[in-house]
Amino acid sequence: MSNRKYELMSAEETSQILGIKLKRLYNICDAFDARDDDQWDLIENEHFEWLSPNIRTRRFYEEGAMAIAKYIQETDTAGKFAGFIDAVIEKITNRRKRTRQMLVRRRVILEVQELKGVIVRGDLVFIERPKVIRILGTNGKGLNAARSRVQDSNNLSGPAQMEPGVHFEKVENVEYWSQRGLVRIAQDMTEKLAQKSRRAWTEAVAEVYEDAIEQQRKYLDSFDAKVQKAMDQVKTLANHKCQATLERQKPDTPFDLHIHHLFDRATRPDLAALHDNLLAIHEDLHRGFHKWHGASSCEPKDFIEYLTTVESWRFEKPKMASHLHQLMNRLEKSQKAFENYYKV
């Protein structure tokens, strides 16, 4: 049932596919429910799911739409619905295709949220091998086999062999693939895969990946610029002072002021440019926290723990203890406000 959730259609979309008004759709549902001694039946979790049982609104599976389409065609006395089933099947097929394409776009966003594992060279965006494998829904063996097939092809009328620097690249022994190379691999898989669902997925990748990665490149360009601007603004507002320790940059005590993302940028890109999620702190404090915390994602509560344990010696004096109290209030507020927000 896990994959069937993508088949669920709203009543509004179902009525559009069937070419009938929403009121008629629900009238037909009432007709199905009214009698148990005929062939017309809508089964929960097979044909539909309740959206609200109390007001009897529903979402429909493809099987439910097809059952209603068959009812419409067979109970129509004027004969104007001849060929109706075929038309509905075509609409559902097109819907499946659109859904797969949107899922491919979402997969691209999940894999290319930031520039880690991504190399941009002009209009080419190279992504590292593990990301390619996940986007294609394959494994290393499948990727290698498709690459060999494409490169070993002797079809003179077909596309030229893939080239380093254009279709793929190797950087520090890590394999990267551009949109041109990934699409070539997806096209080959679509031709060779036997399983229909996997073939349909790679076909969708081949169709939309180039546009999806271009849109994501534009987003990353804009995203990086937006985040950097916010970081610069927070540094300016800090006025050369660490917002945790209150140390001030001076000629005789120089240090770099770093910007710390309370919710880390990789896990929560939605908060990466939010001033409330940024803290200007002494470079030693920043390095110390990340060495203590490790490479895993972080949240405000982790920084509070670090300050109150490892760095507690900094806050012994009454003035600093009061400052830490206020800072913890701010960080706890951010933790509560954003910890349960949707994560991209």
Protein backbone atom coordinates (compact mmCIF):
# COMPACT_ATOMS: atom_id res chain seq x y z
CA MET A 1 0.00 0.00 0.00
CA SER A 2 2.96 2.34 0.55
CA ASN A 3 3.35 3.28 -3.13
CA ARG A 4 -0.40 3.51 -3.69
CA LYS A 5 -0.59 6.77 -1.79
CA TYR A 6 0.66 8.46 -4.96
CA GLU A 7 -2.41 7.16 -6.80
CA LEU A 8 -4.84 8.92 -4.48
CA MET A 9 -6.78 11.68 -6.23
CA SER A 10 -8.94 14.37 -4.72
CA ALA A 11 -12.64 14.28 -5.52
CA GLU A 12 -12.14 17.44 -7.56
CA GLU A 13 -9.41 15.87 -9.70
CA THR A 14 -11.43 12.66 -10.07
CA SER A 15 -14.44 14.59 -11.32
CA GLN A 16 -12.22 16.41 -13.84
CA ILE A 17 -10.82 13.12 -15.13
CA LEU A 18 -14.33 11.73 -15.46
CA GLY A 19 -15.61 14.94 -17.04
CA ILE A 20 -18.50 15.29 -14.60
CA LYS A 21 -19.43 17.80 -11.92
CA LEU A 22 -18.39 17.15 -8.34
CA LYS A 23 -22.02 16.91 -7.25
CA ARG A 24 -22.68 14.14 -9.76
CA LEU A 25 -19.58 12.26 -8.59
CA TYR A 26 -20.90 12.18 -5.03
CA ASN A 27 -24.41 11.29 -6.24
CA ILE A 28 -22.87 8.25 -7.98
CA CYS A 29 -21.03 7.37 -4.75
CA ASP A 30 -24.38 7.52 -2.92
CA ALA A 31 -25.87 5.21 -5.56
CA PHE A 32 -23.01 2.75 -5.05
CA ASP A 33 -23.51 2.82 -1.28
CA ALA A 34 -27.29 2.59 -1.38
CA ARG A 35 -27.53 -1.10 -2.39
CA ASP A 36 -25.52 -4.17 -1.56
CA ASP A 37 -27.30 -6.52 -3.95
CA ASP A 38 -25.95 -5.15 -7.25
CA GLN A 39 -22.61 -5.19 -9.07
CA TRP A 40 -21.75 -1.58 -8.22
CA ASP A 41 -19.63 -1.20 -5.13
CA LEU A 42 -16.92 1.12 -3.85
CA ILE A 43 -14.59 -0.57 -1.37
CA GLU A 44 -12.66 1.46 1.18
CA ASN A 45 -8.84 1.22 0.80
CA GLU A 46 -9.32 -0.37 -2.61
CA HIS A 47 -11.39 2.20 -4.49
CA PHE A 48 -11.25 5.16 -2.11
CA GLU A 49 -10.22 6.51 1.28
CA TRP A 50 -12.32 8.71 3.51
CA LEU A 51 -11.17 12.30 3.69
CA SER A 52 -13.83 13.03 6.30
CA PRO A 53 -16.21 10.16 7.17
CA ASN A 54 -18.50 12.56 9.00
CA ILE A 55 -19.30 14.65 5.93
CA ARG A 56 -18.57 11.71 3.61
CA THR A 57 -15.88 13.34 1.50
CA ARG A 58 -13.40 11.05 -0.19
CA ARG A 59 -10.15 10.67 -2.10
CA PHE A 60 -10.11 8.10 -4.88
CA TYR A 61 -7.70 5.48 -6.13
CA GLU A 62 -7.44 4.85 -9.86
CA GLU A 63 -9.50 1.69 -9.36
CA GLY A 64 -12.29 3.79 -7.89
CA ALA A 65 -12.22 6.23 -10.80
CA MET A 66 -12.34 3.32 -13.23
CA ALA A 67 -15.27 1.70 -11.38
CA ILE A 68 -17.22 4.96 -11.59
CA ALA A 69 -16.26 5.36 -15.27
CA LYS A 70 -17.59 1.88 -16.00
CA TYR A 71 -20.81 2.71 -14.15
CA ILE A 72 -21.27 5.91 -16.18
CA GLN A 73 -20.67 4.15 -19.49
CA GLU A 74 -22.90 1.16 -18.76
CA THR A 75 -25.80 3.10 -17.24
CA ASP A 76 -25.87 5.79 -19.93
CA THR A 77 -28.99 5.24 -22.01
CA ALA A 78 -28.23 7.81 -24.71
CA GLY A 79 -25.03 6.06 -25.78
CA LYS A 80 -23.07 9.31 -25.74
CA PHE A 81 -20.39 7.76 -23.53
CA ALA A 82 -19.16 5.22 -26.06
CA GLY A 83 -15.39 5.03 -25.75
CA PHE A 84 -15.61 6.77 -22.39
CA ILE A 85 -13.47 4.14 -20.61
CA ASP A 86 -10.61 4.54 -23.09
CA ALA A 87 -10.65 8.31 -22.62
CA VAL A 88 -10.52 7.94 -18.82
CA ILE A 89 -7.66 5.45 -19.07
CA GLU A 90 -5.71 7.92 -21.19
CA LYS A 91 -6.27 10.70 -18.66
CA ILE A 92 -5.17 8.47 -15.78
CA THR A 93 -2.09 7.39 -17.73
CA ASN A 94 -1.17 11.03 -18.32
CA ARG A 95 -1.73 11.72 -14.63
CA ARG A 96 0.62 8.90 -13.67
CA LYS A 97 3.23 10.38 -15.97
CA ARG A 98 2.86 13.85 -14.47
CA THR A 99 3.05 12.42 -10.95
CA ARG A 100 6.26 10.52 -11.72
CA GLN A 101 7.79 13.64 -13.23
CA MET A 102 6.96 15.65 -10.12
CA LEU A 103 8.45 12.91 -7.94
CA VAL A 104 11.63 13.05 -10.03
CA ARG A 105 11.79 16.81 -9.47
CA ARG A 106 11.37 16.29 -5.74
CA ARG A 107 14.15 13.68 -5.76
CA VAL A 108 16.43 16.20 -7.48
CA ILE A 109 15.63 18.80 -4.82
CA LEU A 110 16.34 16.31 -2.02
CA GLU A 111 19.67 15.30 -3.54
CA VAL A 112 20.79 18.78 -4.62
CA GLN A 113 19.67 20.96 -1.73
CA GLU A 114 23.14 22.46 -1.48
CA LEU A 115 26.44 22.43 -3.34
CA LYS A 116 27.89 19.51 -1.34
CA GLY A 117 28.64 16.74 -3.83
CA VAL A 118 27.89 19.12 -6.71
CA ILE A 119 30.26 20.78 -9.20
CA VAL A 120 28.94 23.57 -11.44
CA ARG A 121 30.87 24.31 -14.64
CA GLY A 122 29.08 26.82 -16.82
CA ASP A 123 25.74 25.33 -17.79
CA LEU A 124 26.78 21.84 -16.70
CA VAL A 125 25.94 20.61 -13.21
CA PHE A 126 27.91 17.51 -12.20
CA ILE A 127 26.63 15.51 -9.21
CA GLU A 128 28.47 12.75 -7.39
CA ARG A 129 27.84 9.08 -8.13
CA PRO A 130 25.74 8.22 -5.01
CA LYS A 131 23.29 11.00 -5.86
CA VAL A 132 23.07 9.78 -9.48
CA ILE A 133 22.29 6.27 -8.26
CA ARG A 134 19.51 7.50 -5.98
CA ILE A 135 17.96 9.76 -8.63
CA LEU A 136 17.91 6.89 -11.13
CA GLY A 137 16.55 4.48 -8.52
CA THR A 138 19.25 1.95 -9.36
CA ASN A 139 22.47 0.63 -7.79
CA GLY A 140 26.16 0.77 -8.65
CA LYS A 141 25.96 -2.35 -10.78
CA GLY A 142 23.04 -0.96 -12.78
CA LEU A 143 24.79 2.34 -13.38
CA ASN A 144 27.99 0.60 -14.50
CA ALA A 145 26.06 -1.67 -16.86
CA ALA A 146 24.22 1.25 -18.46
CA ARG A 147 27.45 3.19 -18.86
CA SER A 148 29.11 0.21 -20.56
CA ARG A 149 26.18 -0.25 -22.93
CA VAL A 150 26.23 3.42 -23.95
CA GLN A 151 29.99 3.54 -24.38
CA ASP A 152 30.24 0.21 -26.21
CA SER A 153 27.46 1.02 -28.65
CA ASN A 154 28.58 0.67 -32.27
CA ASN A 155 25.45 2.26 -33.65
CA LEU A 156 26.90 4.85 -36.03
CA SER A 157 23.52 6.49 -36.48
CA GLY A 158 23.06 6.94 -32.74
CA PRO A 159 24.47 9.57 -30.38
CA ALA A 160 28.23 9.92 -29.96
CA GLN A 161 30.05 8.34 -27.04
CA MET A 162 29.97 10.17 -23.74
CA GLU A 163 32.94 12.41 -23.03
CA PRO A 164 34.87 13.31 -19.87
CA GLY A 165 34.16 16.89 -18.88
CA VAL A 166 30.86 16.86 -20.75
CA HIS A 167 28.91 13.80 -19.62
CA PHE A 168 30.97 12.68 -16.63
CA GLU A 169 34.06 13.64 -14.67
CA LYS A 170 36.33 12.21 -12.00
CA VAL A 171 37.49 14.51 -9.21
CA GLU A 172 39.73 13.14 -6.45
CA ASN A 173 38.67 9.61 -7.39
CA VAL A 174 34.98 10.52 -7.05
CA GLU A 175 32.79 10.02 -10.13
CA TYR A 176 30.48 12.87 -11.12
CA TRP A 177 27.80 12.97 -13.81
CA SER A 178 26.40 16.02 -15.61
CA GLN A 179 22.78 16.36 -16.67
CA ARG A 180 23.78 15.31 -20.19
CA GLY A 181 25.41 12.13 -18.99
CA LEU A 182 22.67 11.25 -16.51
CA VAL A 183 19.97 11.65 -19.16
CA ARG A 184 21.91 9.38 -21.53
CA ILE A 185 22.08 6.74 -18.80
CA ALA A 186 18.36 7.14 -18.04
CA GLN A 187 17.47 6.76 -21.71
CA ASP A 188 19.51 3.56 -21.94
CA MET A 189 17.86 2.14 -18.82
CA THR A 190 14.42 2.95 -20.19
CA GLU A 191 15.20 0.85 -23.25
CA LYS A 192 16.71 -2.07 -21.34
CA LEU A 193 14.81 -2.43 -18.06
CA ALA A 194 12.23 -5.21 -17.96
CA GLN A 195 10.27 -4.04 -14.90
CA LYS A 196 7.57 -1.59 -15.98
CA SER A 197 7.63 0.56 -12.84
CA ARG A 198 11.40 1.04 -12.99
CA ARG A 199 11.25 1.74 -16.72
CA ALA A 200 8.55 4.34 -16.16
CA TRP A 201 10.72 6.03 -13.53
CA THR A 202 13.86 6.26 -15.68
CA GLU A 203 11.71 7.51 -18.55
CA ALA A 204 10.48 10.34 -16.31
CA VAL A 205 14.08 11.09 -15.28
CA ALA A 206 15.12 11.30 -18.94
CA GLU A 207 12.21 13.64 -19.67
CA VAL A 208 12.52 16.18 -16.86
CA TYR A 209 15.98 15.91 -15.29
CA GLU A 210 17.72 18.55 -17.41
CA ASP A 211 15.05 21.14 -16.65
CA ALA A 212 14.85 20.10 -12.99
CA ILE A 213 18.61 20.44 -12.44
CA GLU A 214 18.66 23.80 -14.23
CA GLN A 215 15.88 25.07 -11.96
CA GLN A 216 17.77 23.75 -8.95
CA ARG A 217 20.99 25.43 -10.13
CA LYS A 218 19.14 28.76 -10.32
CA TYR A 219 17.74 28.14 -6.85
CA LEU A 220 21.19 27.37 -5.45
CA ASP A 221 22.65 30.50 -7.02
CA SER A 222 19.87 32.57 -5.50
CA PHE A 223 19.96 30.60 -2.23
CA ASP A 224 23.70 31.06 -1.69
CA ALA A 225 23.48 34.76 -2.41
CA LYS A 226 20.54 35.15 -0.02
CA VAL A 227 22.27 33.22 2.77
CA GLN A 228 25.52 35.16 2.39
CA LYS A 229 23.65 38.46 2.51
CA ALA A 230 21.91 37.40 5.74
CA MET A 231 25.22 36.30 7.28
CA ASP A 232 26.83 39.62 6.40
CA GLN A 233 23.89 41.50 7.91
CA VAL A 234 24.11 39.56 11.19
CA LYS A 235 27.85 40.26 11.37
CA THR A 236 27.19 43.97 10.89
CA LEU A 237 24.49 43.98 13.59
CA ALA A 238 26.88 42.22 15.98
CA ASN A 239 29.18 45.26 15.69
CA HIS A 240 32.45 43.30 15.97
CA LYS A 241 31.26 41.48 19.11
CA CYS A 242 30.75 37.75 19.78
CA GLN A 243 27.05 37.34 20.57
CA ALA A 244 27.79 34.46 22.94
CA THR A 245 30.85 35.58 24.90
CA LEU A 246 30.54 39.35 24.32
CA GLU A 247 34.22 39.48 23.30
CA ARG A 248 34.94 42.40 20.97
CA GLN A 249 37.32 42.39 18.03
CA LYS A 250 40.24 44.70 18.86
CA PRO A 251 43.64 45.38 17.29
CA ASP A 252 45.37 43.70 20.26
CA THR A 253 42.91 40.79 20.45
CA PRO A 254 42.10 39.97 16.82
CA PHE A 255 39.82 37.08 15.89
CA ASP A 256 37.46 36.19 13.07
CA LEU A 257 33.76 36.51 13.66
CA HIS A 258 32.02 33.39 12.35
CA ILE A 259 28.32 32.92 11.66
CA HIS A 260 26.88 29.82 13.31
CA HIS A 261 23.64 28.30 11.98
CA LEU A 262 21.71 27.16 15.05
CA PHE A 263 19.70 24.74 12.91
CA ASP A 264 22.41 23.65 10.50
CA ARG A 265 22.23 24.82 6.92
CA ALA A 266 22.36 21.37 5.31
CA THR A 267 19.43 19.93 7.27
CA ARG A 268 17.33 23.09 7.44
CA PRO A 269 17.95 25.16 4.30
CA ASP A 270 14.56 26.78 4.93
CA LEU A 271 16.11 28.57 7.94
CA ALA A 272 19.55 29.23 6.46
CA ALA A 273 18.90 32.94 5.75
CA LEU A 274 16.74 33.67 8.80
CA HIS A 275 18.39 36.13 11.20
CA ASP A 276 16.92 34.36 14.24
CA ASN A 277 18.78 31.21 13.17
CA LEU A 278 22.17 32.95 12.84
CA LEU A 279 24.60 33.78 15.63
CA ALA A 280 27.82 35.77 15.23
CA ILE A 281 30.42 34.09 17.43
CA HIS A 282 34.17 33.93 18.06
CA GLU A 283 35.95 31.64 15.61
CA ASP A 284 37.38 29.51 18.46
CA LEU A 285 33.89 29.00 19.90
CA HIS A 286 32.57 27.98 16.50
CA ARG A 287 35.36 25.51 15.81
CA GLY A 288 35.15 24.17 19.35
CA PHE A 289 31.43 23.50 19.08
CA HIS A 290 31.69 21.60 15.81
CA LYS A 291 34.66 19.58 17.05
CA TRP A 292 32.66 18.70 20.20
CA HIS A 293 29.38 18.03 18.38
CA GLY A 294 30.79 16.23 15.36
CA ALA A 295 29.57 16.23 11.77
CA SER A 296 25.92 15.40 12.48
CA SER A 297 23.13 17.96 12.13
CA CYS A 298 22.75 20.46 14.96
CA GLU A 299 19.98 22.45 16.60
CA PRO A 300 19.86 25.34 19.12
CA LYS A 301 19.58 22.89 22.04
CA ASP A 302 22.98 21.43 21.06
CA PHE A 303 24.63 24.85 21.23
CA ILE A 304 22.98 25.51 24.60
CA GLU A 305 24.40 22.23 25.90
CA TYR A 306 27.86 23.15 24.62
CA LEU A 307 27.78 26.59 26.24
CA THR A 308 26.51 25.31 29.60
CA THR A 309 28.99 22.43 29.83
CA VAL A 310 32.20 22.82 27.84
CA GLU A 311 32.18 26.65 27.90
CA SER A 312 30.51 27.21 31.27
CA TRP A 313 33.66 28.79 32.68
CA ARG A 314 33.04 31.82 30.48
CA PHE A 315 29.82 32.67 32.30
CA GLU A 316 30.83 32.57 35.97
CA LYS A 317 30.61 36.31 36.61
CA PRO A 318 27.10 37.71 37.33
CA LYS A 319 27.04 39.88 34.20
CA MET A 320 27.94 36.94 31.96
CA ALA A 321 25.55 34.59 33.77
CA SER A 322 22.75 37.09 33.12
CA HIS A 323 23.78 37.36 29.47
CA LEU A 324 23.81 33.55 29.09
CA HIS A 325 20.35 33.39 30.67
CA GLN A 326 18.99 35.79 28.04
CA LEU A 327 20.78 33.98 25.23
CA MET A 328 19.37 30.61 26.34
CA ASN A 329 15.89 32.12 26.32
CA ARG A 330 16.42 33.20 22.72
CA LEU A 331 17.78 29.82 21.65
CA GLU A 332 15.06 27.84 23.44
CA LYS A 333 12.47 30.03 21.73
CA SER A 334 13.99 29.22 18.33
CA GLN A 335 14.15 25.52 19.20
CA LYS A 336 10.48 25.43 20.09
CA ALA A 337 9.40 27.58 17.15
CA PHE A 338 11.18 25.68 14.40
CA GLU A 339 11.98 22.12 15.49
CA ASN A 340 8.73 20.67 14.18
CA TYR A 341 8.51 22.69 10.97
CA TYR A 342 8.46 20.72 7.75
CA LYS A 343 11.99 19.77 6.69
CA VAL A 344 12.68 19.81 2.96
